[in-house]
Amino acid sequence: MRVYSTIDEANQAVIEKIKNSQPFLLDVVPAKSVIPELNGKVLLHAGPPMKWENMTDPMKGSCVGAVLFEGWAADEAEARKLLEGGEVQFMPCHHVSAVGPMGGITSANMPVLVVENKEHGNRAYCTMNEGIGKVLRFGAYSEEVINRLNWMRDVLGPTLSKVLKMMDGGLNVNVIIAKAITMGDEFHQRNIAASLVFLKEIAPYLTIADLDEKTKHDVMKFLADTDQFFLNIMMASAKAAMDASRTIEYGTIVTAMTRNGHEFGIRVAGLGDQWFTAPVNTPEGLFFTGYTQDDANPDMGTPQSLRHSVLGLWRWSLLLG
C-alpha cells in the first residue's frame, strides 16, 4: 500500500479513485449467494449498528415483512415474537459491501443488484426498487407487499439476471448516469430519465430472451411503471466507488453517511471500518392530508448524502472528461 506524505495528497488520491470508478451492473442474484453472512436468521439494515429495541416503527415493520417473506414466521405476532426474542441477528448493510434504501432491510432470498467497480475490482450490492405505495422499505408488510417481494424473487430477479448475462461485460452505469444528468436527474428523487435509459438498454435483450411472453410483459411493465428503479442501481454504484477509496491511508474524506432512525453514522477513508455516530435528526417536510410533523419518523437510509457526493465528482469526470 502506498504511503502518502500529506493529508492533502492522500485526499487527492481518494478523489481520483472516486472519479475513476467504473461501475458495471453485472447480475441480479439472491442476497445470500454473494453475502455469506445472510445464510441464517440475519437481517441487514441501514445505518451504523443498532438493536431491535432502538428501531423506529417503520424499520421494525420492514423487519416483520422480511421475516414473513423468508417464512421464518407464519404471521405478524409470531414474527414480532421472533424479533423481540433475539432470534434474529442484525447487521449494517455497510459491513458487507451493501446498501439499502430507507430501512435498508435485506434478507437472504431478496434479489440484489451486483455492481462491480471495474477500475478497482470491488463489488457492491443493493436490493431492487419495489416501486411506490405500500413497500417494505417504508415499513409495510401486508399481503400485497409480500406478494410483490415473492414476484421480484421468482420472476424479476431471474429475468434481469438472464438479460444482463446476455450483455458482454455487463451494463456500463456511467454511460446511463452521463445521459440522465443532461435530462435533469439527480439520482435521489429524480430518476425518471435514468430508469427509462436503463429500460431502453435492456429491452432489446429482453425481447429475445428465452422467456415466456407473460414474463416479458410483466417485467417490461414493472420497469416502465417504476420511475425510481435506477435509484438502487445508483446506490450500489456509489457504494462501489466509495469502498474503493477506503484503501487510502490518512485520507480524511467521508466515505459513508448513513442513518437508521436512531443514529447518524459516518466512516472516513483512512479509518477503515470505524464508525463515528451522533443522534439522528427528524426531517421537516410536507405531509399527505391528515398527517403532521408529529407523525414524522427520525431520518433513516443509506447512503443518500453519499450518493450526491459521488455524483458531484462524476458530473465533472463524465461531462468534462
C-alpha atoms as a PDB file:
ATOM      1  CA  MET A   1       0.000   0.000   0.000  1.00  0.00           C
ATOM      2  CA  ARG A   2       1.337   3.414  -0.968  1.00  0.00           C
ATOM      3  CA  VAL A   3       2.036   5.795   1.919  1.00  0.00           C
ATOM      4  CA  TYR A   4       1.194   9.454   1.266  1.00  0.00           C
ATOM      5  CA  SER A   5       3.329  12.184   2.778  1.00  0.00           C
ATOM      6  CA  THR A   6       0.489  14.661   3.466  1.00  0.00           C
ATOM      7  CA  ILE A   7      -3.220  14.510   4.178  1.00  0.00           C
ATOM      8  CA  ASP A   8      -3.891  16.653   1.092  1.00  0.00           C
ATOM      9  CA  GLU A   9      -2.017  14.178  -1.073  1.00  0.00           C
ATOM     10  CA  ALA A  10      -3.963  11.279   0.439  1.00  0.00           C
ATOM     11  CA  ASN A  11      -7.281  13.067  -0.087  1.00  0.00           C
ATOM     12  CA  GLN A  12      -6.427  13.781  -3.703  1.00  0.00           C
ATOM     13  CA  ALA A  13      -5.834  10.062  -4.149  1.00  0.00           C
ATOM     14  CA  VAL A  14      -9.257   9.373  -2.616  1.00  0.00           C
ATOM     15  CA  ILE A  15     -10.882  11.816  -5.046  1.00  0.00           C
ATOM     16  CA  GLU A  16      -9.114  10.227  -8.009  1.00  0.00           C
ATOM     17  CA  LYS A  17     -10.349   6.778  -7.003  1.00  0.00           C
ATOM     18  CA  ILE A  18     -13.918   8.079  -6.869  1.00  0.00           C
ATOM     19  CA  LYS A  19     -13.635   9.946 -10.185  1.00  0.00           C
ATOM     20  CA  ASN A  20     -12.060   6.976 -11.940  1.00  0.00           C
ATOM     21  CA  SER A  21     -14.618   4.454 -10.757  1.00  0.00           C
ATOM     22  CA  GLN A  22     -16.165   2.303 -13.489  1.00  0.00           C
ATOM     23  CA  PRO A  23     -19.367   0.720 -12.117  1.00  0.00           C
ATOM     24  CA  PHE A  24     -20.943  -2.030 -14.206  1.00  0.00           C
ATOM     25  CA  LEU A  25     -24.213  -3.768 -13.366  1.00  0.00           C
ATOM     26  CA  LEU A  26     -23.352  -7.441 -13.795  1.00  0.00           C
ATOM     27  CA  ASP A  27     -26.163  -9.503 -12.329  1.00  0.00           C
ATOM     28  CA  VAL A  28     -29.161  -9.838 -10.025  1.00  0.00           C
ATOM     29  CA  VAL A  29     -28.829 -12.717  -7.551  1.00  0.00           C
ATOM     30  CA  PRO A  30     -30.237 -13.901  -4.204  1.00  0.00           C
ATOM     31  CA  ALA A  31     -28.524 -11.881  -1.477  1.00  0.00           C
ATOM     32  CA  LYS A  32     -27.284 -14.970   0.355  1.00  0.00           C
ATOM     33  CA  SER A  33     -25.332 -16.105  -2.725  1.00  0.00           C
ATOM     34  CA  VAL A  34     -22.983 -13.104  -2.531  1.00  0.00           C
ATOM     35  CA  ILE A  35     -23.308 -12.169   1.153  1.00  0.00           C
ATOM     36  CA  PRO A  36     -22.445 -15.305   3.178  1.00  0.00           C
ATOM     37  CA  GLU A  37     -23.445 -13.608   6.432  1.00  0.00           C
ATOM     38  CA  LEU A  38     -27.082 -13.899   5.337  1.00  0.00           C
ATOM     39  CA  ASN A  39     -27.081 -17.709   5.450  1.00  0.00           C
ATOM     40  CA  GLY A  40     -29.063 -17.831   8.678  1.00  0.00           C
ATOM     41  CA  LYS A  41     -31.614 -15.698  10.522  1.00  0.00           C
ATOM     42  CA  VAL A  42     -29.806 -12.425   9.743  1.00  0.00           C
ATOM     43  CA  LEU A  43     -31.192  -9.111   8.501  1.00  0.00           C
ATOM     44  CA  LEU A  44     -29.176  -6.230   7.098  1.00  0.00           C
ATOM     45  CA  HIS A  45     -30.266  -2.692   7.961  1.00  0.00           C
ATOM     46  CA  ALA A  46     -29.412   0.903   7.131  1.00  0.00           C
ATOM     47  CA  GLY A  47     -27.055   2.977   9.240  1.00  0.00           C
ATOM     48  CA  PRO A  48     -24.488   2.070  11.884  1.00  0.00           C
ATOM     49  CA  PRO A  49     -25.010  -0.951  14.195  1.00  0.00           C
ATOM     50  CA  MET A  50     -28.233  -0.988  16.198  1.00  0.00           C
ATOM     51  CA  LYS A  51     -30.547  -3.207  18.233  1.00  0.00           C
ATOM     52  CA  TRP A  52     -34.209  -4.127  17.775  1.00  0.00           C
ATOM     53  CA  GLU A  53     -35.290  -2.062  20.783  1.00  0.00           C
ATOM     54  CA  ASN A  54     -33.783   1.091  19.235  1.00  0.00           C
ATOM     55  CA  MET A  55     -35.522   0.706  15.886  1.00  0.00           C
ATOM     56  CA  THR A  56     -38.395   3.002  14.951  1.00  0.00           C
ATOM     57  CA  ASP A  57     -41.744   1.536  13.884  1.00  0.00           C
ATOM     58  CA  PRO A  58     -41.088   1.717  10.096  1.00  0.00           C
ATOM     59  CA  MET A  59     -37.839  -0.240  10.412  1.00  0.00           C
ATOM     60  CA  LYS A  60     -39.487  -2.744  12.752  1.00  0.00           C
ATOM     61  CA  GLY A  61     -42.272  -3.115  10.196  1.00  0.00           C
ATOM     62  CA  SER A  62     -39.689  -3.824   7.498  1.00  0.00           C
ATOM     63  CA  CYS A  63     -38.157  -6.496   9.732  1.00  0.00           C
ATOM     64  CA  VAL A  64     -41.583  -8.094  10.238  1.00  0.00           C
ATOM     65  CA  GLY A  65     -42.076  -8.103   6.472  1.00  0.00           C
ATOM     66  CA  ALA A  66     -38.672  -9.669   5.870  1.00  0.00           C
ATOM     67  CA  VAL A  67     -39.382 -12.413   8.436  1.00  0.00           C
ATOM     68  CA  LEU A  68     -42.723 -13.182   6.748  1.00  0.00           C
ATOM     69  CA  PHE A  69     -41.104 -13.128   3.313  1.00  0.00           C
ATOM     70  CA  GLU A  70     -38.422 -15.589   4.427  1.00  0.00           C
ATOM     71  CA  GLY A  71     -41.013 -17.877   6.012  1.00  0.00           C
ATOM     72  CA  TRP A  72     -39.429 -17.699   9.466  1.00  0.00           C
ATOM     73  CA  ALA A  73     -42.873 -16.940  10.926  1.00  0.00           C
ATOM     74  CA  ALA A  74     -46.470 -17.592   9.895  1.00  0.00           C
ATOM     75  CA  ASP A  75     -47.960 -14.246  10.919  1.00  0.00           C
ATOM     76  CA  GLU A  76     -47.137 -10.818  12.367  1.00  0.00           C
ATOM     77  CA  ALA A  77     -47.446 -11.894  16.004  1.00  0.00           C
ATOM     78  CA  GLU A  78     -45.074 -14.804  15.511  1.00  0.00           C
ATOM     79  CA  ALA A  79     -42.651 -12.591  13.578  1.00  0.00           C
ATOM     80  CA  ARG A  80     -42.543  -9.965  16.319  1.00  0.00           C
ATOM     81  CA  LYS A  81     -42.019 -12.642  18.962  1.00  0.00           C
ATOM     82  CA  LEU A  82     -39.068 -13.957  16.957  1.00  0.00           C
ATOM     83  CA  LEU A  83     -37.574 -10.489  16.554  1.00  0.00           C
ATOM     84  CA  GLU A  84     -38.151  -9.406  20.154  1.00  0.00           C
ATOM     85  CA  GLY A  85     -36.707 -12.689  21.445  1.00  0.00           C
ATOM     86  CA  GLY A  86     -33.332 -12.052  19.879  1.00  0.00           C
ATOM     87  CA  GLU A  87     -33.547 -14.963  17.439  1.00  0.00           C
ATOM     88  CA  VAL A  88     -32.702 -12.712  14.503  1.00  0.00           C
ATOM     89  CA  GLN A  89     -29.268 -11.103  14.164  1.00  0.00           C
ATOM     90  CA  PHE A  90     -28.993  -7.548  12.824  1.00  0.00           C
ATOM     91  CA  MET A  91     -26.063  -6.259  10.795  1.00  0.00           C
ATOM     92  CA  PRO A  92     -25.412  -2.960   8.953  1.00  0.00           C
ATOM     93  CA  CYS A  93     -25.522  -3.166   5.171  1.00  0.00           C
ATOM     94  CA  HIS A  94     -22.185  -1.339   5.085  1.00  0.00           C
ATOM     95  CA  HIS A  95     -20.439  -4.188   6.896  1.00  0.00           C
ATOM     96  CA  VAL A  96     -20.948  -6.497   3.901  1.00  0.00           C
ATOM     97  CA  SER A  97     -20.406  -4.176   0.892  1.00  0.00           C
ATOM     98  CA  ALA A  98     -24.131  -3.474   0.662  1.00  0.00           C
ATOM     99  CA  VAL A  99     -26.543  -0.556   0.859  1.00  0.00           C
ATOM    100  CA  GLY A 100     -30.310  -0.337   1.204  1.00  0.00           C
ATOM    101  CA  PRO A 101     -32.992   2.360   0.847  1.00  0.00           C
ATOM    102  CA  MET A 102     -34.815   3.755   3.884  1.00  0.00           C
ATOM    103  CA  GLY A 103     -34.776   0.959   6.498  1.00  0.00           C
ATOM    104  CA  GLY A 104     -32.327  -0.918   4.304  1.00  0.00           C
ATOM    105  CA  ILE A 105     -33.745  -4.257   5.454  1.00  0.00           C
ATOM    106  CA  THR A 106     -32.255  -7.041   3.338  1.00  0.00           C
ATOM    107  CA  SER A 107     -32.729 -10.773   3.867  1.00  0.00           C
ATOM    108  CA  ALA A 108     -31.241 -13.940   2.409  1.00  0.00           C
ATOM    109  CA  ASN A 109     -33.614 -14.567  -0.501  1.00  0.00           C
ATOM    110  CA  MET A 110     -34.178 -10.992  -1.602  1.00  0.00           C
ATOM    111  CA  PRO A 111     -32.593 -10.414  -5.025  1.00  0.00           C
ATOM    112  CA  VAL A 112     -29.769  -7.873  -5.026  1.00  0.00           C
ATOM    113  CA  LEU A 113     -28.156  -5.877  -7.810  1.00  0.00           C
ATOM    114  CA  VAL A 114     -24.481  -6.780  -8.273  1.00  0.00           C
ATOM    115  CA  VAL A 115     -22.352  -3.784  -9.289  1.00  0.00           C
ATOM    116  CA  GLU A 116     -18.638  -4.179  -9.935  1.00  0.00           C
ATOM    117  CA  ASN A 117     -16.224  -1.238  -9.956  1.00  0.00           C
ATOM    118  CA  LYS A 118     -14.063  -2.490 -12.818  1.00  0.00           C
ATOM    119  CA  GLU A 119     -11.397   0.127 -12.192  1.00  0.00           C
ATOM    120  CA  HIS A 120     -10.636  -1.265  -8.728  1.00  0.00           C
ATOM    121  CA  GLY A 121     -12.167  -4.772  -8.798  1.00  0.00           C
ATOM    122  CA  ASN A 122     -14.550  -4.449  -5.831  1.00  0.00           C
ATOM    123  CA  ARG A 123     -18.288  -5.143  -5.789  1.00  0.00           C
ATOM    124  CA  ALA A 124     -21.319  -3.685  -4.017  1.00  0.00           C
ATOM    125  CA  TYR A 125     -24.907  -4.863  -3.585  1.00  0.00           C
ATOM    126  CA  CYS A 126     -28.358  -3.340  -3.199  1.00  0.00           C
ATOM    127  CA  THR A 127     -31.924  -4.637  -3.235  1.00  0.00           C
ATOM    128  CA  MET A 128     -34.121  -3.643  -6.182  1.00  0.00           C
ATOM    129  CA  ASN A 129     -36.633  -0.824  -6.039  1.00  0.00           C
ATOM    130  CA  GLU A 130     -40.158  -2.045  -5.205  1.00  0.00           C
ATOM    131  CA  GLY A 131     -41.961   0.898  -6.745  1.00  0.00           C
ATOM    132  CA  ILE A 132     -44.198   3.269  -4.775  1.00  0.00           C
ATOM    133  CA  GLY A 133     -47.132   2.898  -2.392  1.00  0.00           C
ATOM    134  CA  LYS A 134     -47.093   0.130   0.197  1.00  0.00           C
ATOM    135  CA  VAL A 135     -43.495  -1.128   0.142  1.00  0.00           C
ATOM    136  CA  LEU A 136     -41.170  -2.876   2.565  1.00  0.00           C
ATOM    137  CA  ARG A 137     -38.614  -0.066   2.671  1.00  0.00           C
ATOM    138  CA  PHE A 138     -41.213   2.189   4.325  1.00  0.00           C
ATOM    139  CA  GLY A 139     -42.242  -0.456   6.845  1.00  0.00           C
ATOM    140  CA  ALA A 140     -45.259  -2.043   5.112  1.00  0.00           C
ATOM    141  CA  TYR A 141     -45.710  -5.808   5.356  1.00  0.00           C
ATOM    142  CA  SER A 142     -49.209  -6.539   4.056  1.00  0.00           C
ATOM    143  CA  GLU A 143     -50.008  -9.472   1.758  1.00  0.00           C
ATOM    144  CA  GLU A 144     -49.634  -7.107  -1.203  1.00  0.00           C
ATOM    145  CA  VAL A 145     -46.074  -6.261  -0.138  1.00  0.00           C
ATOM    146  CA  ILE A 146     -45.050  -9.889   0.430  1.00  0.00           C
ATOM    147  CA  ASN A 147     -46.584 -10.978  -2.877  1.00  0.00           C
ATOM    148  CA  ARG A 148     -44.574  -8.332  -4.717  1.00  0.00           C
ATOM    149  CA  LEU A 149     -41.373  -9.421  -2.968  1.00  0.00           C
ATOM    150  CA  ASN A 150     -42.112 -13.016  -3.969  1.00  0.00           C
ATOM    151  CA  TRP A 151     -42.585 -11.925  -7.597  1.00  0.00           C
ATOM    152  CA  MET A 152     -39.335  -9.955  -7.518  1.00  0.00           C
ATOM    153  CA  ARG A 153     -37.559 -13.051  -6.170  1.00  0.00           C
ATOM    154  CA  ASP A 154     -39.148 -15.539  -8.554  1.00  0.00           C
ATOM    155  CA  VAL A 155     -39.610 -13.505 -11.748  1.00  0.00           C
ATOM    156  CA  LEU A 156     -37.990 -10.058 -11.869  1.00  0.00           C
ATOM    157  CA  GLY A 157     -34.633 -11.043 -10.386  1.00  0.00           C
ATOM    158  CA  PRO A 158     -34.053 -14.156 -12.544  1.00  0.00           C
ATOM    159  CA  THR A 159     -35.265 -12.288 -15.650  1.00  0.00           C
ATOM    160  CA  LEU A 160     -32.852  -9.384 -15.184  1.00  0.00           C
ATOM    161  CA  SER A 161     -30.069 -11.842 -14.376  1.00  0.00           C
ATOM    162  CA  LYS A 162     -30.664 -13.614 -17.683  1.00  0.00           C
ATOM    163  CA  VAL A 163     -30.757 -10.336 -19.608  1.00  0.00           C
ATOM    164  CA  LEU A 164     -27.594  -8.908 -18.002  1.00  0.00           C
ATOM    165  CA  LYS A 165     -25.676 -12.094 -18.779  1.00  0.00           C
ATOM    166  CA  MET A 166     -26.506 -11.559 -22.451  1.00  0.00           C
ATOM    167  CA  MET A 167     -24.532  -8.289 -22.347  1.00  0.00           C
ATOM    168  CA  ASP A 168     -20.795  -8.558 -22.883  1.00  0.00           C
ATOM    169  CA  GLY A 169     -19.230  -7.318 -19.638  1.00  0.00           C
ATOM    170  CA  GLY A 170     -22.470  -6.134 -18.092  1.00  0.00           C
ATOM    171  CA  LEU A 171     -24.193  -2.745 -18.244  1.00  0.00           C
ATOM    172  CA  ASN A 172     -21.993   0.364 -18.041  1.00  0.00           C
ATOM    173  CA  VAL A 173     -23.622   2.504 -15.323  1.00  0.00           C
ATOM    174  CA  ASN A 174     -21.513   5.613 -16.047  1.00  0.00           C
ATOM    175  CA  VAL A 175     -22.967   5.844 -19.544  1.00  0.00           C
ATOM    176  CA  ILE A 176     -26.506   5.893 -18.143  1.00  0.00           C
ATOM    177  CA  ILE A 177     -25.527   8.444 -15.480  1.00  0.00           C
ATOM    178  CA  ALA A 178     -23.977  10.772 -18.077  1.00  0.00           C
ATOM    179  CA  LYS A 179     -27.100  10.672 -20.246  1.00  0.00           C
ATOM    180  CA  ALA A 180     -29.526  11.098 -17.354  1.00  0.00           C
ATOM    181  CA  ILE A 181     -27.677  14.086 -15.880  1.00  0.00           C
ATOM    182  CA  THR A 182     -28.284  16.035 -19.099  1.00  0.00           C
ATOM    183  CA  MET A 183     -32.010  15.218 -18.769  1.00  0.00           C
ATOM    184  CA  GLY A 184     -32.334  16.582 -15.235  1.00  0.00           C
ATOM    185  CA  ASP A 185     -31.897  13.547 -12.992  1.00  0.00           C
ATOM    186  CA  GLU A 186     -30.235  13.940  -9.590  1.00  0.00           C
ATOM    187  CA  PHE A 187     -30.445  10.227  -8.663  1.00  0.00           C
ATOM    188  CA  HIS A 188     -32.368  10.644  -5.443  1.00  0.00           C
ATOM    189  CA  GLN A 189     -35.933  11.771  -6.143  1.00  0.00           C
ATOM    190  CA  ARG A 190     -35.464  12.317  -9.882  1.00  0.00           C
ATOM    191  CA  ASN A 191     -34.583   9.028 -11.574  1.00  0.00           C
ATOM    192  CA  ILE A 192     -37.084   9.033 -14.404  1.00  0.00           C
ATOM    193  CA  ALA A 193     -34.571   9.581 -17.206  1.00  0.00           C
ATOM    194  CA  ALA A 194     -32.055   7.040 -15.857  1.00  0.00           C
ATOM    195  CA  SER A 195     -34.771   4.452 -15.245  1.00  0.00           C
ATOM    196  CA  LEU A 196     -36.020   4.855 -18.826  1.00  0.00           C
ATOM    197  CA  VAL A 197     -32.498   4.728 -20.257  1.00  0.00           C
ATOM    198  CA  PHE A 198     -31.956   1.520 -18.269  1.00  0.00           C
ATOM    199  CA  LEU A 199     -35.138   0.074 -19.770  1.00  0.00           C
ATOM    200  CA  LYS A 200     -34.009   1.208 -23.235  1.00  0.00           C
ATOM    201  CA  GLU A 201     -30.694  -0.620 -22.799  1.00  0.00           C
ATOM    202  CA  ILE A 202     -32.141  -3.938 -21.657  1.00  0.00           C
ATOM    203  CA  ALA A 203     -35.311  -4.006 -23.807  1.00  0.00           C
ATOM    204  CA  PRO A 204     -33.667  -5.447 -26.947  1.00  0.00           C
ATOM    205  CA  TYR A 205     -32.228  -8.321 -24.930  1.00  0.00           C
ATOM    206  CA  LEU A 206     -35.446  -8.874 -23.014  1.00  0.00           C
ATOM    207  CA  THR A 207     -37.420  -9.292 -26.246  1.00  0.00           C
ATOM    208  CA  ILE A 208     -35.187 -12.144 -27.460  1.00  0.00           C
ATOM    209  CA  ALA A 209     -34.535 -13.803 -24.092  1.00  0.00           C
ATOM    210  CA  ASP A 210     -35.707 -17.380 -23.576  1.00  0.00           C
ATOM    211  CA  LEU A 211     -38.729 -16.352 -21.530  1.00  0.00           C
ATOM    212  CA  ASP A 212     -42.491 -16.698 -21.891  1.00  0.00           C
ATOM    213  CA  GLU A 213     -44.405 -13.702 -23.205  1.00  0.00           C
ATOM    214  CA  LYS A 214     -46.188 -13.001 -19.914  1.00  0.00           C
ATOM    215  CA  THR A 215     -42.888 -12.739 -18.067  1.00  0.00           C
ATOM    216  CA  LYS A 216     -41.516 -10.350 -20.685  1.00  0.00           C
ATOM    217  CA  HIS A 217     -44.673  -8.216 -20.494  1.00  0.00           C
ATOM    218  CA  ASP A 218     -44.835  -8.158 -16.689  1.00  0.00           C
ATOM    219  CA  VAL A 219     -41.159  -7.242 -16.306  1.00  0.00           C
ATOM    220  CA  MET A 220     -41.345  -4.587 -19.026  1.00  0.00           C
ATOM    221  CA  LYS A 221     -44.446  -3.041 -17.449  1.00  0.00           C
ATOM    222  CA  PHE A 222     -42.967  -3.044 -13.939  1.00  0.00           C
ATOM    223  CA  LEU A 223     -39.806  -1.294 -15.132  1.00  0.00           C
ATOM    224  CA  ALA A 224     -41.812   1.196 -17.209  1.00  0.00           C
ATOM    225  CA  ASP A 225     -44.032   1.999 -14.210  1.00  0.00           C
ATOM    226  CA  THR A 226     -41.204   2.250 -11.653  1.00  0.00           C
ATOM    227  CA  ASP A 227     -39.746   5.732 -12.045  1.00  0.00           C
ATOM    228  CA  GLN A 228     -37.324   5.140  -9.169  1.00  0.00           C
ATOM    229  CA  PHE A 229     -35.890   1.823 -10.398  1.00  0.00           C
ATOM    230  CA  PHE A 230     -32.462   3.274 -11.209  1.00  0.00           C
ATOM    231  CA  LEU A 231     -32.148   4.741  -7.692  1.00  0.00           C
ATOM    232  CA  ASN A 232     -30.993   1.422  -6.253  1.00  0.00           C
ATOM    233  CA  ILE A 233     -28.534   0.844  -9.097  1.00  0.00           C
ATOM    234  CA  MET A 234     -27.056   4.258  -8.336  1.00  0.00           C
ATOM    235  CA  MET A 235     -26.807   3.405  -4.636  1.00  0.00           C
ATOM    236  CA  ALA A 236     -24.808   0.252  -5.327  1.00  0.00           C
ATOM    237  CA  SER A 237     -22.621   2.168  -7.794  1.00  0.00           C
ATOM    238  CA  ALA A 238     -21.890   4.868  -5.213  1.00  0.00           C
ATOM    239  CA  LYS A 239     -21.051   2.208  -2.633  1.00  0.00           C
ATOM    240  CA  ALA A 240     -18.638   0.522  -5.050  1.00  0.00           C
ATOM    241  CA  ALA A 241     -16.946   3.848  -5.759  1.00  0.00           C
ATOM    242  CA  MET A 242     -16.581   4.873  -2.126  1.00  0.00           C
ATOM    243  CA  ASP A 243     -15.443   1.472  -0.890  1.00  0.00           C
ATOM    244  CA  ALA A 244     -12.556   1.598  -3.352  1.00  0.00           C
ATOM    245  CA  SER A 245     -11.427   4.896  -1.817  1.00  0.00           C
ATOM    246  CA  ARG A 246     -11.368   3.442   1.721  1.00  0.00           C
ATOM    247  CA  THR A 247      -7.990   1.869   0.996  1.00  0.00           C
ATOM    248  CA  ILE A 248      -6.165   5.223   1.163  1.00  0.00           C
ATOM    249  CA  GLU A 249      -4.283   5.583   4.449  1.00  0.00           C
ATOM    250  CA  TYR A 250      -4.532   9.068   6.043  1.00  0.00           C
ATOM    251  CA  GLY A 251      -7.448  10.066   3.820  1.00  0.00           C
ATOM    252  CA  THR A 252      -9.887  12.278   5.741  1.00  0.00           C
ATOM    253  CA  ILE A 253     -12.738  12.317   3.205  1.00  0.00           C
ATOM    254  CA  VAL A 254     -16.028  10.873   4.445  1.00  0.00           C
ATOM    255  CA  THR A 255     -16.809   7.648   2.565  1.00  0.00           C
ATOM    256  CA  ALA A 256     -20.184   6.783   4.122  1.00  0.00           C
ATOM    257  CA  MET A 257     -23.008   8.870   5.583  1.00  0.00           C
ATOM    258  CA  THR A 258     -25.942   6.832   6.807  1.00  0.00           C
ATOM    259  CA  ARG A 259     -28.705   6.751   9.387  1.00  0.00           C
ATOM    260  CA  ASN A 260     -31.017   4.195  10.915  1.00  0.00           C
ATOM    261  CA  GLY A 261     -33.690   6.243  12.691  1.00  0.00           C
ATOM    262  CA  HIS A 262     -31.626   6.136  15.891  1.00  0.00           C
ATOM    263  CA  GLU A 263     -28.128   7.302  14.984  1.00  0.00           C
ATOM    264  CA  PHE A 264     -26.397   9.110  12.147  1.00  0.00           C
ATOM    265  CA  GLY A 265     -23.072   7.494  11.305  1.00  0.00           C
ATOM    266  CA  ILE A 266     -20.102   8.264   9.110  1.00  0.00           C
ATOM    267  CA  ARG A 267     -16.957   6.444   8.034  1.00  0.00           C
ATOM    268  CA  VAL A 268     -13.735   8.138   6.950  1.00  0.00           C
ATOM    269  CA  ALA A 269     -11.421   6.941   4.168  1.00  0.00           C
ATOM    270  CA  GLY A 270      -8.293   6.447   6.265  1.00  0.00           C
ATOM    271  CA  LEU A 271     -10.006   4.951   9.321  1.00  0.00           C
ATOM    272  CA  GLY A 272     -11.284   1.698   7.850  1.00  0.00           C
ATOM    273  CA  ASP A 273     -14.369   0.201   9.496  1.00  0.00           C
ATOM    274  CA  GLN A 274     -14.571   2.637  12.416  1.00  0.00           C
ATOM    275  CA  TRP A 275     -17.929   4.375  12.925  1.00  0.00           C
ATOM    276  CA  PHE A 276     -18.472   7.913  14.238  1.00  0.00           C
ATOM    277  CA  THR A 277     -22.048   8.423  15.385  1.00  0.00           C
ATOM    278  CA  ALA A 278     -24.415  11.048  16.775  1.00  0.00           C
ATOM    279  CA  PRO A 279     -28.176  11.170  17.452  1.00  0.00           C
ATOM    280  CA  VAL A 280     -30.153  11.322  14.215  1.00  0.00           C
ATOM    281  CA  ASN A 281     -32.417  14.258  13.352  1.00  0.00           C
ATOM    282  CA  THR A 282     -36.060  14.240  12.257  1.00  0.00           C
ATOM    283  CA  PRO A 283     -36.681  15.770   8.813  1.00  0.00           C
ATOM    284  CA  GLU A 284     -39.136  18.629   8.435  1.00  0.00           C
ATOM    285  CA  GLY A 285     -41.247  18.492   5.310  1.00  0.00           C
ATOM    286  CA  LEU A 286     -44.628  18.380   3.619  1.00  0.00           C
ATOM    287  CA  PHE A 287     -47.160  15.707   4.539  1.00  0.00           C
ATOM    288  CA  PHE A 288     -50.134  13.972   2.999  1.00  0.00           C
ATOM    289  CA  THR A 289     -53.550  15.175   4.168  1.00  0.00           C
ATOM    290  CA  GLY A 290     -54.241  14.084   7.720  1.00  0.00           C
ATOM    291  CA  TYR A 291     -50.585  13.897   8.782  1.00  0.00           C
ATOM    292  CA  THR A 292     -48.383  16.479  10.521  1.00  0.00           C
ATOM    293  CA  GLN A 293     -44.814  16.929  11.687  1.00  0.00           C
ATOM    294  CA  ASP A 294     -45.760  14.994  14.827  1.00  0.00           C
ATOM    295  CA  ASP A 295     -46.053  11.893  12.651  1.00  0.00           C
ATOM    296  CA  ALA A 296     -42.554  12.270  11.173  1.00  0.00           C
ATOM    297  CA  ASN A 297     -40.039   9.460  11.677  1.00  0.00           C
ATOM    298  CA  PRO A 298     -36.398  10.153  12.560  1.00  0.00           C
ATOM    299  CA  ASP A 299     -34.204  10.051   9.463  1.00  0.00           C
ATOM    300  CA  MET A 300     -33.078   6.697   8.066  1.00  0.00           C
ATOM    301  CA  GLY A 301     -31.472   5.364   4.917  1.00  0.00           C
ATOM    302  CA  THR A 302     -28.153   4.637   3.311  1.00  0.00           C
ATOM    303  CA  PRO A 303     -26.382   6.377   1.581  1.00  0.00           C
ATOM    304  CA  GLN A 304     -28.391   9.388   0.351  1.00  0.00           C
ATOM    305  CA  SER A 305     -25.863  12.181   1.039  1.00  0.00           C
ATOM    306  CA  LEU A 306     -23.033   9.919  -0.065  1.00  0.00           C
ATOM    307  CA  ARG A 307     -24.703   9.390  -3.426  1.00  0.00           C
ATOM    308  CA  HIS A 308     -24.778  13.117  -4.097  1.00  0.00           C
ATOM    309  CA  SER A 309     -21.112  13.487  -3.092  1.00  0.00           C
ATOM    310  CA  VAL A 310     -20.157  10.823  -5.605  1.00  0.00           C
ATOM    311  CA  LEU A 311     -22.431  12.348  -8.214  1.00  0.00           C
ATOM    312  CA  GLY A 312     -20.762  15.754  -7.779  1.00  0.00           C
ATOM    313  CA  LEU A 313     -17.403  14.270  -8.716  1.00  0.00           C
ATOM    314  CA  TRP A 314     -18.845  12.151 -11.521  1.00  0.00           C
ATOM    315  CA  ARG A 315     -20.544  15.165 -13.092  1.00  0.00           C
ATOM    316  CA  TRP A 316     -17.163  16.670 -13.867  1.00  0.00           C
ATOM    317  CA  SER A 317     -15.373  13.460 -14.809  1.00  0.00           C
ATOM    318  CA  LEU A 318     -18.183  12.260 -17.093  1.00  0.00           C
ATOM    319  CA  LEU A 319     -19.255  15.518 -18.689  1.00  0.00           C
ATOM    320  CA  LEU A 320     -15.881  17.283 -18.914  1.00  0.00           C
ATOM    321  CA  GLY A 321     -13.729  14.217 -19.474  1.00  0.00           C
END
